[in-house]
Amino acid sequence: MLGKLLSPLTTATSIGVTLRYLTAVAGSILAILGILGVLTPEQIEALKAQIEILTANLPALLAAIGALITAWVTFYAAITKSSSDKAAEVAKQVDAKVAADSMVVVKTPGDQPDIVVHPPK
């Protein structure tokens, strides 16, 4: 269940990357606004009304939440979604030269098994 909910954030497609970085940017903005105390009292009250569990210490709480979101998304992307420059070049060549509904076979040197990538269903 959780895997399905997080799938837009975990996919290597452009939408997944975009969502991850937009989340990191939004978290950064919240952290900066909270740290600098840029939020007006009216904005704080509006946020309190929308998120009723927050206390009077809203700017500090927003800064902490924003920093945590930013750190988590950035760490997650760096650990799970990074690849080598060689892998990125192979992917770029495959995307440019092979139809999306075709199977791709990457020949490997020596006794290593070839890499077979089936088209998405």
PDB file of N, CA and C in Angstrom:
ATOM      1  N   MET A   1       0.823  -1.192   0.000  1.00  0.00           N
ATOM      2  CA  MET A   1       0.000   0.000   0.000  1.00  0.00           C
ATOM      3  C   MET A   1       0.864   1.252   0.000  1.00  0.00           C
ATOM      4  N   LEU A   2       1.826   1.304   0.921  1.00  0.00           N
ATOM      5  CA  LEU A   2       2.707   2.458   0.996  1.00  0.00           C
ATOM      6  C   LEU A   2       3.532   2.586  -0.277  1.00  0.00           C
ATOM      7  N   GLY A   3       3.921   1.462  -0.850  1.00  0.00           N
ATOM      8  CA  GLY A   3       4.679   1.476  -2.097  1.00  0.00           C
ATOM      9  C   GLY A   3       3.908   2.133  -3.228  1.00  0.00           C
ATOM     10  N   LYS A   4       2.608   1.824  -3.304  1.00  0.00           N
ATOM     11  CA  LYS A   4       1.778   2.437  -4.343  1.00  0.00           C
ATOM     12  C   LYS A   4       1.625   3.938  -4.122  1.00  0.00           C
ATOM     13  N   LEU A   5       1.490   4.348  -2.863  1.00  0.00           N
ATOM     14  CA  LEU A   5       1.354   5.772  -2.566  1.00  0.00           C
ATOM     15  C   LEU A   5       2.632   6.539  -2.884  1.00  0.00           C
ATOM     16  N   LEU A   6       3.761   5.906  -2.664  1.00  0.00           N
ATOM     17  CA  LEU A   6       5.047   6.566  -2.900  1.00  0.00           C
ATOM     18  C   LEU A   6       5.563   6.378  -4.319  1.00  0.00           C
ATOM     19  N   SER A   7       4.896   5.585  -5.144  1.00  0.00           N
ATOM     20  CA  SER A   7       5.403   5.294  -6.483  1.00  0.00           C
ATOM     21  C   SER A   7       5.657   6.548  -7.332  1.00  0.00           C
ATOM     22  N   PRO A   8       4.837   7.603  -7.251  1.00  0.00           N
ATOM     23  CA  PRO A   8       5.191   8.795  -8.029  1.00  0.00           C
ATOM     24  C   PRO A   8       6.513   9.420  -7.578  1.00  0.00           C
ATOM     25  N   LEU A   9       6.870   9.228  -6.320  1.00  0.00           N
ATOM     26  CA  LEU A   9       8.129   9.783  -5.823  1.00  0.00           C
ATOM     27  C   LEU A   9       9.309   8.866  -6.093  1.00  0.00           C
ATOM     28  N   THR A  10       9.063   7.587  -6.359  1.00  0.00           N
ATOM     29  CA  THR A  10      10.168   6.648  -6.495  1.00  0.00           C
ATOM     30  C   THR A  10      10.479   6.265  -7.929  1.00  0.00           C
ATOM     31  N   THR A  11       9.656   6.658  -8.877  1.00  0.00           N
ATOM     32  CA  THR A  11       9.896   6.295 -10.260  1.00  0.00           C
ATOM     33  C   THR A  11      11.062   7.089 -10.844  1.00  0.00           C
ATOM     34  N   ALA A  12      11.760   6.495 -11.790  1.00  0.00           N
ATOM     35  CA  ALA A  12      12.886   7.175 -12.448  1.00  0.00           C
ATOM     36  C   ALA A  12      12.426   8.005 -13.638  1.00  0.00           C
ATOM     37  N   THR A  13      11.127   8.043 -13.897  1.00  0.00           N
ATOM     38  CA  THR A  13      10.629   8.830 -15.021  1.00  0.00           C
ATOM     39  C   THR A  13      10.732  10.319 -14.716  1.00  0.00           C
ATOM     40  N   SER A  14      10.510  11.124 -15.731  1.00  0.00           N
ATOM     41  CA  SER A  14      10.634  12.572 -15.554  1.00  0.00           C
ATOM     42  C   SER A  14       9.643  13.109 -14.525  1.00  0.00           C
ATOM     43  N   ILE A  15       8.457  12.519 -14.441  1.00  0.00           N
ATOM     44  CA  ILE A  15       7.484  12.994 -13.448  1.00  0.00           C
ATOM     45  C   ILE A  15       7.971  12.714 -12.036  1.00  0.00           C
ATOM     46  N   GLY A  16       8.596  11.566 -11.821  1.00  0.00           N
ATOM     47  CA  GLY A  16       9.135  11.249 -10.501  1.00  0.00           C
ATOM     48  C   GLY A  16      10.249  12.196 -10.098  1.00  0.00           C
ATOM     49  N   VAL A  17      11.158  12.444 -11.029  1.00  0.00           N
ATOM     50  CA  VAL A  17      12.260  13.371 -10.756  1.00  0.00           C
ATOM     51  C   VAL A  17      11.711  14.766 -10.474  1.00  0.00           C
ATOM     52  N   THR A  18      10.756  15.205 -11.292  1.00  0.00           N
ATOM     53  CA  THR A  18      10.166  16.527 -11.104  1.00  0.00           C
ATOM     54  C   THR A  18       9.491  16.635  -9.739  1.00  0.00           C
ATOM     55  N   LEU A  19       8.698  15.631  -9.368  1.00  0.00           N
ATOM     56  CA  LEU A  19       8.026  15.666  -8.069  1.00  0.00           C
ATOM     57  C   LEU A  19       9.018  15.695  -6.918  1.00  0.00           C
ATOM     58  N   ARG A  20      10.092  14.911  -7.029  1.00  0.00           N
ATOM     59  CA  ARG A  20      11.096  14.901  -5.958  1.00  0.00           C
ATOM     60  C   ARG A  20      11.742  16.268  -5.802  1.00  0.00           C
ATOM     61  N   TYR A  21      12.113  16.874  -6.900  1.00  0.00           N
ATOM     62  CA  TYR A  21      12.793  18.161  -6.788  1.00  0.00           C
ATOM     63  C   TYR A  21      11.834  19.291  -6.415  1.00  0.00           C
ATOM     64  N   LEU A  22      10.596  19.227  -6.876  1.00  0.00           N
ATOM     65  CA  LEU A  22       9.616  20.233  -6.442  1.00  0.00           C
ATOM     66  C   LEU A  22       9.373  20.123  -4.938  1.00  0.00           C
ATOM     67  N   THR A  23       9.345  18.894  -4.426  1.00  0.00           N
ATOM     68  CA  THR A  23       9.188  18.698  -2.992  1.00  0.00           C
ATOM     69  C   THR A  23      10.384  19.273  -2.242  1.00  0.00           C
ATOM     70  N   ALA A  24      11.582  19.058  -2.778  1.00  0.00           N
ATOM     71  CA  ALA A  24      12.783  19.612  -2.142  1.00  0.00           C
ATOM     72  C   ALA A  24      12.760  21.140  -2.161  1.00  0.00           C
ATOM     73  N   VAL A  25      12.328  21.720  -3.269  1.00  0.00           N
ATOM     74  CA  VAL A  25      12.245  23.181  -3.367  1.00  0.00           C
ATOM     75  C   VAL A  25      11.208  23.723  -2.393  1.00  0.00           C
ATOM     76  N   ALA A  26      10.046  23.086  -2.342  1.00  0.00           N
ATOM     77  CA  ALA A  26       9.004  23.545  -1.417  1.00  0.00           C
ATOM     78  C   ALA A  26       9.477  23.440   0.029  1.00  0.00           C
ATOM     79  N   GLY A  27      10.151  22.364   0.352  1.00  0.00           N
ATOM     80  CA  GLY A  27      10.692  22.219   1.704  1.00  0.00           C
ATOM     81  C   GLY A  27      11.723  23.292   2.010  1.00  0.00           C
ATOM     82  N   SER A  28      12.565  23.606   1.034  1.00  0.00           N
ATOM     83  CA  SER A  28      13.567  24.666   1.224  1.00  0.00           C
ATOM     84  C   SER A  28      12.904  26.018   1.457  1.00  0.00           C
ATOM     85  N   ILE A  29      11.874  26.298   0.682  1.00  0.00           N
ATOM     86  CA  ILE A  29      11.174  27.584   0.837  1.00  0.00           C
ATOM     87  C   ILE A  29      10.537  27.681   2.214  1.00  0.00           C
ATOM     88  N   LEU A  30       9.886  26.608   2.659  1.00  0.00           N
ATOM     89  CA  LEU A  30       9.290  26.617   3.996  1.00  0.00           C
ATOM     90  C   LEU A  30      10.354  26.837   5.065  1.00  0.00           C
ATOM     91  N   ALA A  31      11.489  26.166   4.913  1.00  0.00           N
ATOM     92  CA  ALA A  31      12.557  26.315   5.899  1.00  0.00           C
ATOM     93  C   ALA A  31      13.082  27.752   5.922  1.00  0.00           C
ATOM     94  N   ILE A  32      13.297  28.320   4.756  1.00  0.00           N
ATOM     95  CA  ILE A  32      13.812  29.698   4.681  1.00  0.00           C
ATOM     96  C   ILE A  32      12.814  30.683   5.273  1.00  0.00           C
ATOM     97  N   LEU A  33      11.546  30.534   4.918  1.00  0.00           N
ATOM     98  CA  LEU A  33      10.524  31.442   5.453  1.00  0.00           C
ATOM     99  C   LEU A  33      10.440  31.346   6.970  1.00  0.00           C
ATOM    100  N   GLY A  34      10.509  30.131   7.467  1.00  0.00           N
ATOM    101  CA  GLY A  34      10.443  29.941   8.920  1.00  0.00           C
ATOM    102  C   GLY A  34      11.657  30.500   9.629  1.00  0.00           C
ATOM    103  N   ILE A  35      12.836  30.272   9.080  1.00  0.00           N
ATOM    104  CA  ILE A  35      14.063  30.748   9.711  1.00  0.00           C
ATOM    105  C   ILE A  35      14.142  32.272   9.701  1.00  0.00           C
ATOM    106  N   LEU A  36      13.780  32.873   8.587  1.00  0.00           N
ATOM    107  CA  LEU A  36      13.879  34.326   8.461  1.00  0.00           C
ATOM    108  C   LEU A  36      12.717  35.070   9.111  1.00  0.00           C
ATOM    109  N   GLY A  37      11.686  34.351   9.502  1.00  0.00           N
ATOM    110  CA  GLY A  37      10.529  35.006  10.109  1.00  0.00           C
ATOM    111  C   GLY A  37       9.780  35.892   9.123  1.00  0.00           C
ATOM    112  N   VAL A  38       9.745  35.485   7.863  1.00  0.00           N
ATOM    113  CA  VAL A  38       9.126  36.280   6.804  1.00  0.00           C
ATOM    114  C   VAL A  38       7.604  36.216   6.848  1.00  0.00           C
ATOM    115  N   LEU A  39       7.069  35.190   7.445  1.00  0.00           N
ATOM    116  CA  LEU A  39       5.618  35.033   7.480  1.00  0.00           C
ATOM    117  C   LEU A  39       4.976  36.114   8.348  1.00  0.00           C
ATOM    118  N   THR A  40       3.926  36.704   7.838  1.00  0.00           N
ATOM    119  CA  THR A  40       3.197  37.720   8.598  1.00  0.00           C
ATOM    120  C   THR A  40       2.285  37.032   9.607  1.00  0.00           C
ATOM    121  N   PRO A  41       1.829  37.767  10.606  1.00  0.00           N
ATOM    122  CA  PRO A  41       0.891  37.168  11.556  1.00  0.00           C
ATOM    123  C   PRO A  41      -0.382  36.632  10.880  1.00  0.00           C
ATOM    124  N   GLU A  42      -0.850  37.322   9.830  1.00  0.00           N
ATOM    125  CA  GLU A  42      -2.038  36.844   9.116  1.00  0.00           C
ATOM    126  C   GLU A  42      -1.778  35.511   8.422  1.00  0.00           C
ATOM    127  N   GLN A  43      -0.595  35.384   7.823  1.00  0.00           N
ATOM    128  CA  GLN A  43      -0.254  34.129   7.165  1.00  0.00           C
ATOM    129  C   GLN A  43      -0.120  32.999   8.186  1.00  0.00           C
ATOM    130  N   ILE A  44       0.452  33.327   9.316  1.00  0.00           N
ATOM    131  CA  ILE A  44       0.584  32.327  10.370  1.00  0.00           C
ATOM    132  C   ILE A  44      -0.787  31.863  10.829  1.00  0.00           C
ATOM    133  N   GLU A  45      -1.705  32.800  11.015  1.00  0.00           N
ATOM    134  CA  GLU A  45      -3.065  32.436  11.435  1.00  0.00           C
ATOM    135  C   GLU A  45      -3.766  31.587  10.379  1.00  0.00           C
ATOM    136  N   ALA A  46      -3.564  31.919   9.087  1.00  0.00           N
ATOM    137  CA  ALA A  46      -4.182  31.136   8.020  1.00  0.00           C
ATOM    138  C   ALA A  46      -3.629  29.710   8.008  1.00  0.00           C
ATOM    139  N   LEU A  47      -2.332  29.582   8.193  1.00  0.00           N
ATOM    140  CA  LEU A  47      -1.732  28.254   8.246  1.00  0.00           C
ATOM    141  C   LEU A  47      -2.208  27.474   9.471  1.00  0.00           C
ATOM    142  N   LYS A  48      -2.337  28.175  10.588  1.00  0.00           N
ATOM    143  CA  LYS A  48      -2.850  27.517  11.803  1.00  0.00           C
ATOM    144  C   LYS A  48      -4.255  26.982  11.578  1.00  0.00           C
ATOM    145  N   ALA A  49      -5.084  27.768  10.894  1.00  0.00           N
ATOM    146  CA  ALA A  49      -6.454  27.334  10.643  1.00  0.00           C
ATOM    147  C   ALA A  49      -6.483  26.097   9.754  1.00  0.00           C
ATOM    148  N   GLN A  50      -5.572  26.024   8.779  1.00  0.00           N
ATOM    149  CA  GLN A  50      -5.539  24.883   7.874  1.00  0.00           C
ATOM    150  C   GLN A  50      -4.922  23.659   8.529  1.00  0.00           C
ATOM    151  N   ILE A  51      -3.958  23.882   9.371  1.00  0.00           N
ATOM    152  CA  ILE A  51      -3.278  22.770  10.055  1.00  0.00           C
ATOM    153  C   ILE A  51      -3.467  22.972  11.549  1.00  0.00           C
ATOM    154  N   GLU A  52      -4.574  22.532  12.078  1.00  0.00           N
ATOM    155  CA  GLU A  52      -5.005  22.868  13.431  1.00  0.00           C
ATOM    156  C   GLU A  52      -4.092  22.342  14.536  1.00  0.00           C
ATOM    157  N   ILE A  53      -3.260  21.407  14.243  1.00  0.00           N
ATOM    158  CA  ILE A  53      -2.425  20.827  15.289  1.00  0.00           C
ATOM    159  C   ILE A  53      -1.190  21.658  15.616  1.00  0.00           C
ATOM    160  N   LEU A  54      -0.934  22.690  14.822  1.00  0.00           N
ATOM    161  CA  LEU A  54       0.258  23.501  15.052  1.00  0.00           C
ATOM    162  C   LEU A  54       0.042  24.458  16.229  1.00  0.00           C
ATOM    163  N   THR A  55       1.104  24.794  16.892  1.00  0.00           N
ATOM    164  CA  THR A  55       1.033  25.676  18.053  1.00  0.00           C
ATOM    165  C   THR A  55       1.425  27.094  17.682  1.00  0.00           C
ATOM    166  N   ALA A  56       1.564  27.965  18.676  1.00  0.00           N
ATOM    167  CA  ALA A  56       1.918  29.357  18.438  1.00  0.00           C
ATOM    168  C   ALA A  56       3.344  29.504  17.915  1.00  0.00           C
ATOM    169  N   ASN A  57       4.146  28.463  18.023  1.00  0.00           N
ATOM    170  CA  ASN A  57       5.529  28.515  17.565  1.00  0.00           C
ATOM    171  C   ASN A  57       5.626  28.064  16.105  1.00  0.00           C
ATOM    172  N   LEU A  58       4.709  28.516  15.265  1.00  0.00           N
ATOM    173  CA  LEU A  58       4.590  28.058  13.884  1.00  0.00           C
ATOM    174  C   LEU A  58       5.832  28.305  13.037  1.00  0.00           C
ATOM    175  N   PRO A  59       6.465  29.478  13.031  1.00  0.00           N
ATOM    176  CA  PRO A  59       7.621  29.657  12.155  1.00  0.00           C
ATOM    177  C   PRO A  59       8.740  28.654  12.432  1.00  0.00           C
ATOM    178  N   ALA A  60       9.038  28.393  13.673  1.00  0.00           N
ATOM    179  CA  ALA A  60      10.093  27.430  13.995  1.00  0.00           C
ATOM    180  C   ALA A  60       9.678  26.019  13.576  1.00  0.00           C
ATOM    181  N   LEU A  61       8.401  25.688  13.765  1.00  0.00           N
ATOM    182  CA  LEU A  61       7.915  24.371  13.367  1.00  0.00           C
ATOM    183  C   LEU A  61       7.950  24.223  11.845  1.00  0.00           C
ATOM    184  N   LEU A  62       7.541  25.261  11.117  1.00  0.00           N
ATOM    185  CA  LEU A  62       7.605  25.218   9.653  1.00  0.00           C
ATOM    186  C   LEU A  62       9.044  25.069   9.178  1.00  0.00           C
ATOM    187  N   ALA A  63       9.963  25.760   9.819  1.00  0.00           N
ATOM    188  CA  ALA A  63      11.371  25.649   9.444  1.00  0.00           C
ATOM    189  C   ALA A  63      11.859  24.222   9.640  1.00  0.00           C
ATOM    190  N   ALA A  64      11.500  23.612  10.748  1.00  0.00           N
ATOM    191  CA  ALA A  64      11.930  22.243  11.026  1.00  0.00           C
ATOM    192  C   ALA A  64      11.316  21.261  10.039  1.00  0.00           C
ATOM    193  N   ILE A  65      10.030  21.403   9.771  1.00  0.00           N
ATOM    194  CA  ILE A  65       9.352  20.515   8.826  1.00  0.00           C
ATOM    195  C   ILE A  65       9.950  20.677   7.429  1.00  0.00           C
ATOM    196  N   GLY A  66      10.150  21.918   7.019  1.00  0.00           N
ATOM    197  CA  GLY A  66      10.733  22.180   5.699  1.00  0.00           C
ATOM    198  C   GLY A  66      12.124  21.599   5.569  1.00  0.00           C
ATOM    199  N   ALA A  67      12.928  21.754   6.597  1.00  0.00           N
ATOM    200  CA  ALA A  67      14.288  21.208   6.563  1.00  0.00           C
ATOM    201  C   ALA A  67      14.274  19.690   6.505  1.00  0.00           C
ATOM    202  N   LEU A  68      13.377  19.059   7.248  1.00  0.00           N
ATOM    203  CA  LEU A  68      13.281  17.601   7.214  1.00  0.00           C
ATOM    204  C   LEU A  68      12.828  17.086   5.854  1.00  0.00           C
ATOM    205  N   ILE A  69      11.827  17.730   5.280  1.00  0.00           N
ATOM    206  CA  ILE A  69      11.347  17.315   3.956  1.00  0.00           C
ATOM    207  C   ILE A  69      12.458  17.460   2.927  1.00  0.00           C
ATOM    208  N   THR A  70      13.137  18.589   2.948  1.00  0.00           N
ATOM    209  CA  THR A  70      14.220  18.832   1.996  1.00  0.00           C
ATOM    210  C   THR A  70      15.329  17.801   2.149  1.00  0.00           C
ATOM    211  N   ALA A  71      15.737  17.554   3.373  1.00  0.00           N
ATOM    212  CA  ALA A  71      16.817  16.594   3.616  1.00  0.00           C
ATOM    213  C   ALA A  71      16.402  15.190   3.181  1.00  0.00           C
ATOM    214  N   TRP A  72      15.183  14.781   3.507  1.00  0.00           N
ATOM    215  CA  TRP A  72      14.726  13.433   3.160  1.00  0.00           C
ATOM    216  C   TRP A  72      14.670  13.235   1.651  1.00  0.00           C
ATOM    217  N   VAL A  73      14.055  14.176   0.926  1.00  0.00           N
ATOM    218  CA  VAL A  73      13.920  14.024  -0.527  1.00  0.00           C
ATOM    219  C   VAL A  73      15.288  14.019  -1.197  1.00  0.00           C
ATOM    220  N   THR A  74      16.160  14.919  -0.795  1.00  0.00           N
ATOM    221  CA  THR A  74      17.492  14.989  -1.399  1.00  0.00           C
ATOM    222  C   THR A  74      18.282  13.719  -1.108  1.00  0.00           C
ATOM    223  N   PHE A  75      18.261  13.258   0.133  1.00  0.00           N
ATOM    224  CA  PHE A  75      18.965  12.036   0.516  1.00  0.00           C
ATOM    225  C   PHE A  75      18.404  10.844  -0.253  1.00  0.00           C
ATOM    226  N   TYR A  76      17.083  10.719  -0.319  1.00  0.00           N
ATOM    227  CA  TYR A  76      16.439   9.618  -1.025  1.00  0.00           C
ATOM    228  C   TYR A  76      16.849   9.593  -2.498  1.00  0.00           C
ATOM    229  N   ALA A  77      16.816  10.758  -3.148  1.00  0.00           N
ATOM    230  CA  ALA A  77      17.176  10.823  -4.562  1.00  0.00           C
ATOM    231  C   ALA A  77      18.642  10.464  -4.771  1.00  0.00           C
ATOM    232  N   ALA A  78      19.504  10.946  -3.896  1.00  0.00           N
ATOM    233  CA  ALA A  78      20.929  10.668  -4.049  1.00  0.00           C
ATOM    234  C   ALA A  78      21.236   9.188  -3.865  1.00  0.00           C
ATOM    235  N   ILE A  79      20.587   8.543  -2.921  1.00  0.00           N
ATOM    236  CA  ILE A  79      20.867   7.138  -2.629  1.00  0.00           C
ATOM    237  C   ILE A  79      20.215   6.194  -3.637  1.00  0.00           C
ATOM    238  N   THR A  80      18.969   6.431  -3.972  1.00  0.00           N
ATOM    239  CA  THR A  80      18.236   5.444  -4.766  1.00  0.00           C
ATOM    240  C   THR A  80      18.112   5.767  -6.240  1.00  0.00           C
ATOM    241  N   LYS A  81      18.268   7.004  -6.635  1.00  0.00           N
ATOM    242  CA  LYS A  81      18.007   7.361  -8.022  1.00  0.00           C
ATOM    243  C   LYS A  81      19.230   7.848  -8.780  1.00  0.00           C
ATOM    244  N   SER A  82      20.402   7.705  -8.206  1.00  0.00           N
ATOM    245  CA  SER A  82      21.596   8.125  -8.918  1.00  0.00           C
ATOM    246  C   SER A  82      22.149   6.948  -9.719  1.00  0.00           C
ATOM    247  N   SER A  83      22.805   7.242 -10.821  1.00  0.00           N
ATOM    248  CA  SER A  83      23.436   6.209 -11.631  1.00  0.00           C
ATOM    249  C   SER A  83      24.721   6.788 -12.210  1.00  0.00           C
ATOM    250  N   SER A  84      25.464   5.955 -12.909  1.00  0.00           N
ATOM    251  CA  SER A  84      26.731   6.401 -13.473  1.00  0.00           C
ATOM    252  C   SER A  84      26.492   7.192 -14.759  1.00  0.00           C
ATOM    253  N   ASP A  85      27.521   7.925 -15.166  1.00  0.00           N
ATOM    254  CA  ASP A  85      27.444   8.641 -16.433  1.00  0.00           C
ATOM    255  C   ASP A  85      27.329   7.658 -17.601  1.00  0.00           C
ATOM    256  N   LYS A  86      27.982   6.495 -17.470  1.00  0.00           N
ATOM    257  CA  LYS A  86      27.913   5.473 -18.513  1.00  0.00           C
ATOM    258  C   LYS A  86      26.476   4.963 -18.650  1.00  0.00           C
ATOM    259  N   ALA A  87      25.814   4.701 -17.527  1.00  0.00           N
ATOM    260  CA  ALA A  87      24.425   4.222 -17.566  1.00  0.00           C
ATOM    261  C   ALA A  87      23.500   5.281 -18.158  1.00  0.00           C
ATOM    262  N   ALA A  88      23.745   6.544 -17.821  1.00  0.00           N
ATOM    263  CA  ALA A  88      22.919   7.630 -18.369  1.00  0.00           C
ATOM    264  C   ALA A  88      23.098   7.724 -19.883  1.00  0.00           C
ATOM    265  N   GLU A  89      24.315   7.546 -20.365  1.00  0.00           N
ATOM    266  CA  GLU A  89      24.561   7.596 -21.807  1.00  0.00           C
ATOM    267  C   GLU A  89      23.890   6.433 -22.523  1.00  0.00           C
ATOM    268  N   VAL A  90      23.945   5.233 -21.940  1.00  0.00           N
ATOM    269  CA  VAL A  90      23.259   4.074 -22.530  1.00  0.00           C
ATOM    270  C   VAL A  90      21.760   4.344 -22.603  1.00  0.00           C
ATOM    271  N   ALA A  91      21.196   4.852 -21.523  1.00  0.00           N
ATOM    272  CA  ALA A  91      19.755   5.148 -21.507  1.00  0.00           C
ATOM    273  C   ALA A  91      19.397   6.185 -22.556  1.00  0.00           C
ATOM    274  N   LYS A  92      20.222   7.205 -22.695  1.00  0.00           N
ATOM    275  CA  LYS A  92      19.961   8.254 -23.683  1.00  0.00           C
ATOM    276  C   LYS A  92      19.978   7.676 -25.104  1.00  0.00           C
ATOM    277  N   GLN A  93      20.957   6.815 -25.384  1.00  0.00           N
ATOM    278  CA  GLN A  93      21.048   6.190 -26.707  1.00  0.00           C
ATOM    279  C   GLN A  93      19.850   5.276 -26.967  1.00  0.00           C
ATOM    280  N   VAL A  94      19.457   4.490 -25.975  1.00  0.00           N
ATOM    281  CA  VAL A  94      18.311   3.596 -26.130  1.00  0.00           C
ATOM    282  C   VAL A  94      17.038   4.404 -26.375  1.00  0.00           C
ATOM    283  N   ASP A  95      16.837   5.450 -25.589  1.00  0.00           N
ATOM    284  CA  ASP A  95      15.638   6.278 -25.767  1.00  0.00           C
ATOM    285  C   ASP A  95      15.595   6.909 -27.155  1.00  0.00           C
ATOM    286  N   ALA A  96      16.752   7.290 -27.689  1.00  0.00           N
ATOM    287  CA  ALA A  96      16.796   7.958 -28.992  1.00  0.00           C
ATOM    288  C   ALA A  96      16.645   6.981 -30.159  1.00  0.00           C
ATOM    289  N   LYS A  97      17.121   5.750 -30.002  1.00  0.00           N
ATOM    290  CA  LYS A  97      17.222   4.857 -31.158  1.00  0.00           C
ATOM    291  C   LYS A  97      16.295   3.648 -31.148  1.00  0.00           C
ATOM    292  N   VAL A  98      15.688   3.341 -29.993  1.00  0.00           N
ATOM    293  CA  VAL A  98      14.870   2.132 -29.893  1.00  0.00           C
ATOM    294  C   VAL A  98      13.430   2.528 -29.553  1.00  0.00           C
ATOM    295  N   ALA A  99      12.482   1.912 -30.251  1.00  0.00           N
ATOM    296  CA  ALA A  99      11.065   2.190 -29.978  1.00  0.00           C
ATOM    297  C   ALA A  99      10.730   1.823 -28.530  1.00  0.00           C
ATOM    298  N   ALA A 100       9.847   2.603 -27.918  1.00  0.00           N
ATOM    299  CA  ALA A 100       9.495   2.417 -26.505  1.00  0.00           C
ATOM    300  C   ALA A 100       8.888   1.050 -26.220  1.00  0.00           C
ATOM    301  N   ASP A 101       8.247   0.442 -27.206  1.00  0.00           N
ATOM    302  CA  ASP A 101       7.602  -0.855 -26.978  1.00  0.00           C
ATOM    303  C   ASP A 101       8.491  -2.035 -27.375  1.00  0.00           C
ATOM    304  N   SER A 102       9.781  -1.789 -27.617  1.00  0.00           N
ATOM    305  CA  SER A 102      10.710  -2.848 -28.000  1.00  0.00           C
ATOM    306  C   SER A 102      11.555  -3.294 -26.814  1.00  0.00           C
ATOM    307  N   MET A 103      11.935  -4.574 -26.844  1.00  0.00           N
ATOM    308  CA  MET A 103      12.847  -5.101 -25.843  1.00  0.00           C
ATOM    309  C   MET A 103      14.265  -4.628 -26.192  1.00  0.00           C
ATOM    310  N   VAL A 104      15.082  -4.379 -25.168  1.00  0.00           N
ATOM    311  CA  VAL A 104      16.456  -3.939 -25.373  1.00  0.00           C
ATOM    312  C   VAL A 104      17.394  -4.978 -24.775  1.00  0.00           C
ATOM    313  N   VAL A 105      18.413  -5.365 -25.551  1.00  0.00           N
ATOM    314  CA  VAL A 105      19.428  -6.286 -25.067  1.00  0.00           C
ATOM    315  C   VAL A 105      20.773  -5.562 -25.136  1.00  0.00           C
ATOM    316  N   VAL A 106      21.433  -5.460 -23.986  1.00  0.00           N
ATOM    317  CA  VAL A 106      22.759  -4.843 -23.920  1.00  0.00           C
ATOM    318  C   VAL A 106      23.765  -5.979 -23.811  1.00  0.00           C
ATOM    319  N   LYS A 107      24.619  -6.091 -24.825  1.00  0.00           N
ATOM    320  CA  LYS A 107      25.648  -7.137 -24.831  1.00  0.00           C
ATOM    321  C   LYS A 107      26.725  -6.757 -23.824  1.00  0.00           C
ATOM    322  N   THR A 108      27.113  -7.716 -23.000  1.00  0.00           N
ATOM    323  CA  THR A 108      28.142  -7.475 -21.999  1.00  0.00           C
ATOM    324  C   THR A 108      29.400  -8.249 -22.371  1.00  0.00           C
ATOM    325  N   PRO A 109      30.559  -7.777 -21.937  1.00  0.00           N
ATOM    326  CA  PRO A 109      31.803  -8.455 -22.298  1.00  0.00           C
ATOM    327  C   PRO A 109      32.006  -9.758 -21.520  1.00  0.00           C
ATOM    328  N   GLY A 110      32.770 -10.645 -22.109  1.00  0.00           N
ATOM    329  CA  GLY A 110      33.165 -11.872 -21.425  1.00  0.00           C
ATOM    330  C   GLY A 110      32.019 -12.815 -21.129  1.00  0.00           C
ATOM    331  N   ASP A 111      32.117 -13.453 -19.964  1.00  0.00           N
ATOM    332  CA  ASP A 111      31.133 -14.453 -19.559  1.00  0.00           C
ATOM    333  C   ASP A 111      29.933 -13.866 -18.822  1.00  0.00           C
ATOM    334  N   GLN A 112      29.888 -12.553 -18.701  1.00  0.00           N
ATOM    335  CA  GLN A 112      28.765 -11.924 -17.992  1.00  0.00           C
ATOM    336  C   GLN A 112      27.496 -12.084 -18.815  1.00  0.00           C
ATOM    337  N   PRO A 113      26.369 -12.290 -18.136  1.00  0.00           N
ATOM    338  CA  PRO A 113      25.106 -12.406 -18.890  1.00  0.00           C
ATOM    339  C   PRO A 113      24.712 -11.052 -19.485  1.00  0.00           C
ATOM    340  N   ASP A 114      24.107 -11.099 -20.666  1.00  0.00           N
ATOM    341  CA  ASP A 114      23.624  -9.872 -21.291  1.00  0.00           C
ATOM    342  C   ASP A 114      22.520  -9.255 -20.448  1.00  0.00           C
ATOM    343  N   ILE A 115      22.366  -7.945 -20.586  1.00  0.00           N
ATOM    344  CA  ILE A 115      21.325  -7.215 -19.860  1.00  0.00           C
ATOM    345  C   ILE A 115      20.115  -7.116 -20.777  1.00  0.00           C
ATOM    346  N   VAL A 116      18.974  -7.623 -20.312  1.00  0.00           N
ATOM    347  CA  VAL A 116      17.741  -7.619 -21.088  1.00  0.00           C
ATOM    348  C   VAL A 116      16.727  -6.750 -20.359  1.00  0.00           C
ATOM    349  N   VAL A 117      16.186  -5.759 -21.098  1.00  0.00           N
ATOM    350  CA  VAL A 117      15.178  -4.865 -20.526  1.00  0.00           C
ATOM    351  C   VAL A 117      13.922  -4.996 -21.367  1.00  0.00           C
ATOM    352  N   HIS A 118      12.859  -5.471 -20.748  1.00  0.00           N
ATOM    353  CA  HIS A 118      11.582  -5.633 -21.430  1.00  0.00           C
ATOM    354  C   HIS A 118      10.814  -4.303 -21.416  1.00  0.00           C
ATOM    355  N   PRO A 119       9.978  -4.079 -22.431  1.00  0.00           N
ATOM    356  CA  PRO A 119       9.211  -2.826 -22.459  1.00  0.00           C
ATOM    357  C   PRO A 119       8.204  -2.769 -21.299  1.00  0.00           C
ATOM    358  N   PRO A 120       7.863  -1.560 -20.878  1.00  0.00           N
ATOM    359  CA  PRO A 120       6.864  -1.442 -19.799  1.00  0.00           C
ATOM    360  C   PRO A 120       5.523  -1.953 -20.270  1.00  0.00           C
ATOM    361  N   LYS A 121       4.763  -2.491 -19.330  1.00  0.00           N
ATOM    362  CA  LYS A 121       3.456  -3.065 -19.684  1.00  0.00           C
ATOM    363  C   LYS A 121       2.386  -2.017 -19.643  1.00  0.00           C
TER     364      LYS A 121
END
